[in-house]
Amino acid sequence: MENASKALIIAGAILISIVLVAIAVMVVGNLNTSVDETVAQMDQTAKDMFNAQFENFEGRQSGSNARQLISRVISNNTTNSDVEAKQVTVSFNGQNAKTSSELSSIRTALNAGVYYTVGITYGDAGLITTISIAPATSGTTTTD
């Protein structure tokens, strides 16, 4: 009889251990899901911050603002030279520019007294990949 009660106590302890392990596995699984969601949200926040530095220039802009945009692109491309996904190309008068020297020549070609239309293209990752600048047509509103 004494052996039977000891066996029941051992069986009960094993059963409690299995339940505790199962609960621990569930808790760890839920924590991993929460961490993954947080990382994904942080990634979206980083994308939004990256895009925001250029999005304010979208639409009709003065030549001075367009030049300032080119300066931001030069700074961005220099800072992120090792990250191809964060390189921004500027398209102006049929010329695509990504390097500092190419972008500087476009900046020089922009006239302060002229208005330009700035368009933005997003890549598959959600980051701005191309900014197109063209002389603005008359009749649109000013955003500077």
N, C-alpha and C. Protein backbone atom coordinates (compact mmCIF):
# COMPACT_ATOMS: atom_id res chain seq x y z
N MET A 1 0.82 -1.19 0.00
CA MET A 1 0.00 0.00 0.00
C MET A 1 0.87 1.25 0.00
N GLU A 2 1.94 1.16 0.76
CA GLU A 2 2.82 2.31 0.85
C GLU A 2 3.47 2.59 -0.50
N ASN A 3 3.84 1.58 -1.24
CA ASN A 3 4.44 1.75 -2.56
C ASN A 3 3.44 2.37 -3.54
N ALA A 4 2.19 1.98 -3.43
CA ALA A 4 1.15 2.50 -4.32
C ALA A 4 0.94 3.99 -4.07
N SER A 5 0.96 4.42 -2.83
CA SER A 5 0.77 5.86 -2.55
C SER A 5 1.97 6.66 -3.01
N LYS A 6 3.19 6.09 -2.88
CA LYS A 6 4.37 6.78 -3.38
C LYS A 6 4.31 6.90 -4.91
N ALA A 7 3.83 5.86 -5.57
CA ALA A 7 3.71 5.87 -7.03
C ALA A 7 2.72 6.92 -7.48
N LEU A 8 1.61 7.06 -6.74
CA LEU A 8 0.61 8.08 -7.07
C LEU A 8 1.18 9.49 -6.86
N ILE A 9 1.97 9.68 -5.84
CA ILE A 9 2.59 10.98 -5.58
C ILE A 9 3.57 11.31 -6.70
N ILE A 10 4.38 10.34 -7.10
CA ILE A 10 5.33 10.55 -8.19
C ILE A 10 4.59 10.84 -9.50
N ALA A 11 3.54 10.11 -9.78
CA ALA A 11 2.75 10.33 -11.00
C ALA A 11 2.14 11.74 -10.98
N GLY A 12 1.64 12.14 -9.83
CA GLY A 12 1.07 13.49 -9.70
C GLY A 12 2.12 14.56 -9.93
N ALA A 13 3.32 14.35 -9.40
CA ALA A 13 4.41 15.32 -9.58
C ALA A 13 4.81 15.40 -11.05
N ILE A 14 4.86 14.27 -11.73
CA ILE A 14 5.19 14.26 -13.16
C ILE A 14 4.11 14.99 -13.95
N LEU A 15 2.87 14.75 -13.63
CA LEU A 15 1.75 15.42 -14.31
C LEU A 15 1.81 16.93 -14.11
N ILE A 16 2.08 17.38 -12.91
CA ILE A 16 2.20 18.81 -12.63
C ILE A 16 3.39 19.40 -13.40
N SER A 17 4.50 18.67 -13.47
CA SER A 17 5.67 19.14 -14.23
C SER A 17 5.34 19.31 -15.71
N ILE A 18 4.62 18.35 -16.27
CA ILE A 18 4.23 18.43 -17.69
C ILE A 18 3.33 19.64 -17.93
N VAL A 19 2.40 19.89 -17.04
CA VAL A 19 1.50 21.05 -17.17
C VAL A 19 2.31 22.34 -17.09
N LEU A 20 3.26 22.43 -16.15
CA LEU A 20 4.08 23.63 -16.02
C LEU A 20 4.94 23.87 -17.27
N VAL A 21 5.49 22.82 -17.84
CA VAL A 21 6.29 22.95 -19.06
C VAL A 21 5.40 23.43 -20.21
N ALA A 22 4.21 22.89 -20.32
CA ALA A 22 3.29 23.30 -21.38
C ALA A 22 2.92 24.78 -21.24
N ILE A 23 2.67 25.21 -20.03
CA ILE A 23 2.36 26.63 -19.80
C ILE A 23 3.56 27.51 -20.16
N ALA A 24 4.76 27.09 -19.79
CA ALA A 24 5.96 27.86 -20.11
C ALA A 24 6.15 27.97 -21.63
N VAL A 25 5.90 26.90 -22.35
CA VAL A 25 6.03 26.92 -23.81
C VAL A 25 5.02 27.90 -24.41
N MET A 26 3.80 27.90 -23.90
CA MET A 26 2.78 28.83 -24.41
C MET A 26 3.18 30.28 -24.14
N VAL A 27 3.67 30.57 -22.96
CA VAL A 27 4.08 31.94 -22.60
C VAL A 27 5.22 32.40 -23.49
N VAL A 28 6.23 31.56 -23.69
CA VAL A 28 7.37 31.92 -24.53
C VAL A 28 6.90 32.14 -25.97
N GLY A 29 6.00 31.30 -26.46
CA GLY A 29 5.46 31.47 -27.82
C GLY A 29 4.75 32.80 -27.97
N ASN A 30 3.97 33.19 -26.99
CA ASN A 30 3.26 34.48 -27.03
C ASN A 30 4.24 35.64 -26.97
N LEU A 31 5.31 35.52 -26.20
CA LEU A 31 6.31 36.58 -26.11
C LEU A 31 7.01 36.76 -27.46
N ASN A 32 7.33 35.66 -28.13
CA ASN A 32 7.99 35.76 -29.44
C ASN A 32 7.09 36.45 -30.45
N THR A 33 5.80 36.18 -30.43
CA THR A 33 4.87 36.84 -31.34
C THR A 33 4.85 38.34 -31.05
N SER A 34 4.82 38.71 -29.79
CA SER A 34 4.81 40.12 -29.42
C SER A 34 6.09 40.82 -29.86
N VAL A 35 7.23 40.16 -29.70
CA VAL A 35 8.50 40.73 -30.11
C VAL A 35 8.53 40.92 -31.62
N ASP A 36 8.06 39.93 -32.38
CA ASP A 36 8.02 40.04 -33.84
C ASP A 36 7.14 41.20 -34.28
N GLU A 37 5.99 41.36 -33.65
CA GLU A 37 5.10 42.47 -33.99
C GLU A 37 5.75 43.81 -33.67
N THR A 38 6.45 43.89 -32.56
CA THR A 38 7.12 45.13 -32.18
C THR A 38 8.23 45.47 -33.17
N VAL A 39 9.00 44.46 -33.58
CA VAL A 39 10.06 44.70 -34.55
C VAL A 39 9.47 45.17 -35.87
N ALA A 40 8.40 44.55 -36.32
CA ALA A 40 7.75 44.96 -37.57
C ALA A 40 7.25 46.39 -37.46
N GLN A 41 6.70 46.75 -36.33
CA GLN A 41 6.21 48.11 -36.13
C GLN A 41 7.38 49.09 -36.12
N MET A 42 8.49 48.73 -35.50
CA MET A 42 9.66 49.59 -35.50
C MET A 42 10.18 49.78 -36.92
N ASP A 43 10.16 48.71 -37.71
CA ASP A 43 10.59 48.81 -39.10
C ASP A 43 9.71 49.79 -39.86
N GLN A 44 8.41 49.75 -39.64
CA GLN A 44 7.50 50.68 -40.32
C GLN A 44 7.77 52.11 -39.87
N THR A 45 8.05 52.30 -38.60
CA THR A 45 8.38 53.63 -38.09
C THR A 45 9.66 54.15 -38.74
N ALA A 46 10.65 53.29 -38.88
CA ALA A 46 11.90 53.69 -39.53
C ALA A 46 11.65 54.06 -40.99
N LYS A 47 10.80 53.31 -41.68
CA LYS A 47 10.46 53.63 -43.07
C LYS A 47 9.76 54.99 -43.15
N ASP A 48 8.82 55.20 -42.25
CA ASP A 48 8.10 56.48 -42.24
C ASP A 48 9.05 57.64 -42.01
N MET A 49 10.01 57.47 -41.09
CA MET A 49 10.97 58.54 -40.81
C MET A 49 11.86 58.79 -42.02
N PHE A 50 12.28 57.72 -42.69
CA PHE A 50 13.12 57.86 -43.89
C PHE A 50 12.35 58.62 -44.97
N ASN A 51 11.12 58.21 -45.24
CA ASN A 51 10.33 58.82 -46.30
C ASN A 51 9.94 60.26 -45.98
N ALA A 52 9.72 60.57 -44.71
CA ALA A 52 9.25 61.91 -44.31
C ALA A 52 10.23 63.00 -44.70
N GLN A 53 11.52 62.70 -44.74
CA GLN A 53 12.50 63.74 -45.08
C GLN A 53 12.36 64.21 -46.52
N PHE A 54 11.68 63.43 -47.36
CA PHE A 54 11.50 63.80 -48.76
C PHE A 54 10.05 64.14 -49.11
N GLU A 55 9.10 63.56 -48.39
CA GLU A 55 7.68 63.70 -48.74
C GLU A 55 7.19 65.14 -48.64
N ASN A 56 7.79 65.95 -47.79
CA ASN A 56 7.36 67.35 -47.66
C ASN A 56 7.59 68.14 -48.94
N PHE A 57 8.44 67.62 -49.82
CA PHE A 57 8.77 68.32 -51.05
C PHE A 57 7.90 67.89 -52.23
N GLU A 58 7.01 66.94 -52.00
CA GLU A 58 6.18 66.45 -53.10
C GLU A 58 5.20 67.54 -53.54
N GLY A 59 4.99 67.65 -54.84
CA GLY A 59 4.07 68.65 -55.37
C GLY A 59 4.82 69.79 -56.03
N ARG A 60 4.19 70.93 -56.11
CA ARG A 60 4.79 72.10 -56.77
C ARG A 60 5.72 72.81 -55.79
N GLN A 61 6.97 73.01 -56.21
CA GLN A 61 7.98 73.60 -55.35
C GLN A 61 8.76 74.66 -56.10
N SER A 62 9.23 75.66 -55.37
CA SER A 62 10.11 76.67 -55.96
C SER A 62 11.46 76.04 -56.26
N GLY A 63 12.24 76.70 -57.10
CA GLY A 63 13.57 76.21 -57.40
C GLY A 63 14.43 76.09 -56.16
N SER A 64 14.28 77.03 -55.23
CA SER A 64 15.05 76.99 -53.98
C SER A 64 14.71 75.73 -53.18
N ASN A 65 13.42 75.42 -53.09
CA ASN A 65 13.01 74.21 -52.36
C ASN A 65 13.49 72.95 -53.08
N ALA A 66 13.45 72.96 -54.40
CA ALA A 66 13.92 71.81 -55.17
C ALA A 66 15.42 71.60 -54.94
N ARG A 67 16.17 72.71 -54.86
CA ARG A 67 17.61 72.61 -54.56
C ARG A 67 17.83 72.04 -53.17
N GLN A 68 17.02 72.47 -52.22
CA GLN A 68 17.13 71.95 -50.85
C GLN A 68 16.84 70.45 -50.84
N LEU A 69 15.86 70.02 -51.63
CA LEU A 69 15.55 68.59 -51.75
C LEU A 69 16.76 67.82 -52.27
N ILE A 70 17.40 68.34 -53.31
CA ILE A 70 18.58 67.68 -53.87
C ILE A 70 19.67 67.58 -52.79
N SER A 71 19.84 68.63 -52.00
CA SER A 71 20.84 68.59 -50.92
C SER A 71 20.52 67.48 -49.92
N ARG A 72 19.25 67.29 -49.61
CA ARG A 72 18.86 66.21 -48.69
C ARG A 72 19.14 64.84 -49.30
N VAL A 73 18.90 64.72 -50.61
CA VAL A 73 19.17 63.44 -51.28
C VAL A 73 20.68 63.16 -51.25
N ILE A 74 21.49 64.19 -51.52
CA ILE A 74 22.95 64.00 -51.47
C ILE A 74 23.36 63.54 -50.07
N SER A 75 22.86 64.20 -49.05
CA SER A 75 23.18 63.84 -47.67
C SER A 75 22.74 62.41 -47.36
N ASN A 76 21.52 62.06 -47.77
CA ASN A 76 20.99 60.72 -47.54
C ASN A 76 21.85 59.67 -48.24
N ASN A 77 22.14 59.89 -49.51
CA ASN A 77 22.89 58.89 -50.27
C ASN A 77 24.32 58.73 -49.74
N THR A 78 24.88 59.81 -49.23
CA THR A 78 26.22 59.73 -48.64
C THR A 78 26.18 58.96 -47.32
N THR A 79 25.21 59.30 -46.48
CA THR A 79 25.07 58.64 -45.18
C THR A 79 24.77 57.15 -45.33
N ASN A 80 23.94 56.81 -46.30
CA ASN A 80 23.51 55.42 -46.49
C ASN A 80 24.20 54.77 -47.69
N SER A 81 25.44 55.12 -47.94
CA SER A 81 26.15 54.62 -49.12
C SER A 81 26.27 53.09 -49.13
N ASP A 82 26.24 52.46 -47.96
CA ASP A 82 26.37 51.01 -47.89
C ASP A 82 25.03 50.28 -47.89
N VAL A 83 23.91 51.03 -47.98
CA VAL A 83 22.59 50.42 -47.97
C VAL A 83 21.88 50.79 -49.28
N GLU A 84 21.92 49.88 -50.23
CA GLU A 84 21.36 50.15 -51.56
C GLU A 84 19.87 50.50 -51.50
N ALA A 85 19.13 49.86 -50.59
CA ALA A 85 17.68 50.12 -50.49
C ALA A 85 17.37 51.55 -50.09
N LYS A 86 18.33 52.24 -49.45
CA LYS A 86 18.09 53.62 -49.02
C LYS A 86 18.70 54.65 -49.97
N GLN A 87 19.21 54.20 -51.10
CA GLN A 87 19.74 55.12 -52.10
C GLN A 87 18.57 55.68 -52.90
N VAL A 88 18.52 56.98 -53.06
CA VAL A 88 17.45 57.65 -53.79
C VAL A 88 18.00 58.18 -55.10
N THR A 89 17.29 57.90 -56.18
CA THR A 89 17.66 58.40 -57.50
C THR A 89 16.79 59.60 -57.82
N VAL A 90 17.39 60.64 -58.41
CA VAL A 90 16.65 61.82 -58.84
C VAL A 90 16.62 61.83 -60.36
N SER A 91 15.44 62.00 -60.90
CA SER A 91 15.26 62.07 -62.34
C SER A 91 14.90 63.50 -62.72
N PHE A 92 15.71 64.08 -63.63
CA PHE A 92 15.49 65.46 -64.06
C PHE A 92 15.96 65.60 -65.50
N ASN A 93 15.07 66.09 -66.37
CA ASN A 93 15.40 66.29 -67.80
C ASN A 93 15.99 65.04 -68.44
N GLY A 94 15.41 63.89 -68.16
CA GLY A 94 15.88 62.65 -68.76
C GLY A 94 17.15 62.09 -68.16
N GLN A 95 17.67 62.73 -67.15
CA GLN A 95 18.90 62.28 -66.49
C GLN A 95 18.55 61.68 -65.14
N ASN A 96 19.07 60.48 -64.87
CA ASN A 96 18.91 59.85 -63.56
C ASN A 96 20.21 60.00 -62.80
N ALA A 97 20.13 60.52 -61.59
CA ALA A 97 21.33 60.80 -60.80
C ALA A 97 21.21 60.16 -59.43
N LYS A 98 22.34 59.59 -58.97
CA LYS A 98 22.39 58.99 -57.64
C LYS A 98 23.65 59.42 -56.90
N THR A 99 24.73 59.66 -57.61
CA THR A 99 25.98 60.03 -56.95
C THR A 99 25.97 61.52 -56.61
N SER A 100 26.84 61.90 -55.70
CA SER A 100 26.91 63.30 -55.27
C SER A 100 27.22 64.24 -56.43
N SER A 101 28.14 63.85 -57.30
CA SER A 101 28.50 64.74 -58.42
C SER A 101 27.35 64.87 -59.42
N GLU A 102 26.66 63.77 -59.70
CA GLU A 102 25.51 63.84 -60.62
C GLU A 102 24.39 64.70 -60.02
N LEU A 103 24.15 64.49 -58.73
CA LEU A 103 23.09 65.26 -58.05
C LEU A 103 23.46 66.75 -57.97
N SER A 104 24.72 67.04 -57.75
CA SER A 104 25.16 68.44 -57.68
C SER A 104 24.95 69.14 -59.01
N SER A 105 25.16 68.42 -60.12
CA SER A 105 24.94 69.05 -61.43
C SER A 105 23.46 69.33 -61.66
N ILE A 106 22.59 68.46 -61.16
CA ILE A 106 21.15 68.73 -61.26
C ILE A 106 20.79 69.92 -60.38
N ARG A 107 21.33 69.95 -59.17
CA ARG A 107 21.04 71.07 -58.26
C ARG A 107 21.44 72.40 -58.91
N THR A 108 22.57 72.42 -59.58
CA THR A 108 23.04 73.63 -60.26
C THR A 108 22.11 74.02 -61.40
N ALA A 109 21.52 73.01 -62.06
CA ALA A 109 20.64 73.28 -63.20
C ALA A 109 19.27 73.82 -62.79
N LEU A 110 18.90 73.67 -61.52
CA LEU A 110 17.60 74.17 -61.05
C LEU A 110 17.68 75.67 -60.83
N ASN A 111 16.73 76.39 -61.39
CA ASN A 111 16.70 77.86 -61.28
C ASN A 111 15.82 78.27 -60.10
N ALA A 112 16.33 79.19 -59.29
CA ALA A 112 15.60 79.64 -58.10
C ALA A 112 14.27 80.30 -58.45
N GLY A 113 14.17 80.96 -59.61
CA GLY A 113 12.96 81.68 -59.96
C GLY A 113 11.92 80.84 -60.69
N VAL A 114 12.17 79.55 -60.85
CA VAL A 114 11.27 78.66 -61.59
C VAL A 114 10.62 77.69 -60.62
N TYR A 115 9.37 77.31 -60.94
CA TYR A 115 8.68 76.32 -60.12
C TYR A 115 8.80 74.95 -60.78
N TYR A 116 8.88 73.92 -59.94
CA TYR A 116 9.05 72.55 -60.40
C TYR A 116 7.99 71.66 -59.75
N THR A 117 7.64 70.60 -60.45
CA THR A 117 6.75 69.59 -59.90
C THR A 117 7.60 68.41 -59.45
N VAL A 118 7.45 68.05 -58.20
CA VAL A 118 8.24 66.96 -57.62
C VAL A 118 7.32 65.76 -57.42
N GLY A 119 7.72 64.64 -57.99
CA GLY A 119 6.98 63.39 -57.82
C GLY A 119 7.83 62.36 -57.11
N ILE A 120 7.19 61.47 -56.39
CA ILE A 120 7.90 60.47 -55.59
C ILE A 120 7.42 59.07 -55.99
N THR A 121 8.39 58.16 -56.13
CA THR A 121 8.08 56.76 -56.42
C THR A 121 8.61 55.91 -55.28
N TYR A 122 7.77 54.98 -54.81
CA TYR A 122 8.14 54.09 -53.71
C TYR A 122 8.51 52.72 -54.27
N GLY A 123 9.50 52.08 -53.67
CA GLY A 123 9.90 50.74 -54.05
C GLY A 123 9.06 49.69 -53.33
N ASP A 124 9.35 48.44 -53.60
CA ASP A 124 8.60 47.33 -53.00
C ASP A 124 8.73 47.30 -51.48
N ALA A 125 9.84 47.78 -50.96
CA ALA A 125 10.06 47.77 -49.51
C ALA A 125 9.33 48.90 -48.80
N GLY A 126 8.70 49.80 -49.56
CA GLY A 126 7.98 50.92 -48.96
C GLY A 126 8.83 52.16 -48.78
N LEU A 127 10.07 52.13 -49.25
CA LEU A 127 10.95 53.29 -49.16
C LEU A 127 10.93 54.05 -50.48
N ILE A 128 11.17 55.35 -50.41
CA ILE A 128 11.25 56.16 -51.62
C ILE A 128 12.50 55.73 -52.38
N THR A 129 12.32 55.45 -53.68
CA THR A 129 13.44 55.04 -54.51
C THR A 129 13.79 56.09 -55.55
N THR A 130 12.77 56.80 -56.06
CA THR A 130 13.01 57.77 -57.12
C THR A 130 12.22 59.04 -56.85
N ILE A 131 12.88 60.17 -57.09
CA ILE A 131 12.23 61.48 -57.03
C ILE A 131 12.37 62.09 -58.41
N SER A 132 11.25 62.43 -59.00
CA SER A 132 11.30 63.05 -60.33
C SER A 132 11.00 64.54 -60.19
N ILE A 133 11.77 65.34 -60.90
CA ILE A 133 11.61 66.79 -60.87
C ILE A 133 11.44 67.25 -62.31
N ALA A 134 10.38 68.04 -62.54
CA ALA A 134 10.11 68.57 -63.88
C ALA A 134 9.60 69.99 -63.73
N PRO A 135 9.82 70.84 -64.73
CA PRO A 135 9.27 72.19 -64.67
C PRO A 135 7.75 72.13 -64.48
N ALA A 136 7.24 72.95 -63.59
CA ALA A 136 5.80 72.94 -63.28
C ALA A 136 5.02 73.62 -64.41
N THR A 137 3.84 73.10 -64.63
CA THR A 137 2.95 73.76 -65.58
C THR A 137 2.19 74.84 -64.84
N SER A 138 1.82 75.88 -65.54
CA SER A 138 1.11 77.00 -64.88
C SER A 138 -0.28 76.54 -64.46
N GLY A 139 -0.82 77.24 -63.47
CA GLY A 139 -2.17 76.98 -63.02
C GLY A 139 -2.25 76.08 -61.81
N THR A 140 -1.13 75.54 -61.34
CA THR A 140 -1.18 74.74 -60.12
C THR A 140 -0.87 75.61 -58.93
N THR A 141 -1.21 75.13 -57.77
CA THR A 141 -1.04 75.94 -56.56
C THR A 141 0.38 75.82 -56.02
N THR A 142 0.77 76.78 -55.25
CA THR A 142 2.10 76.82 -54.64
C THR A 142 2.08 76.16 -53.28
N THR A 143 3.14 75.38 -52.98
CA THR A 143 3.22 74.73 -51.66
C THR A 143 4.44 75.19 -50.88
N ASP A 144 5.11 76.28 -51.30
CA ASP A 144 6.29 76.69 -50.53
C ASP A 144 5.94 77.86 -49.73
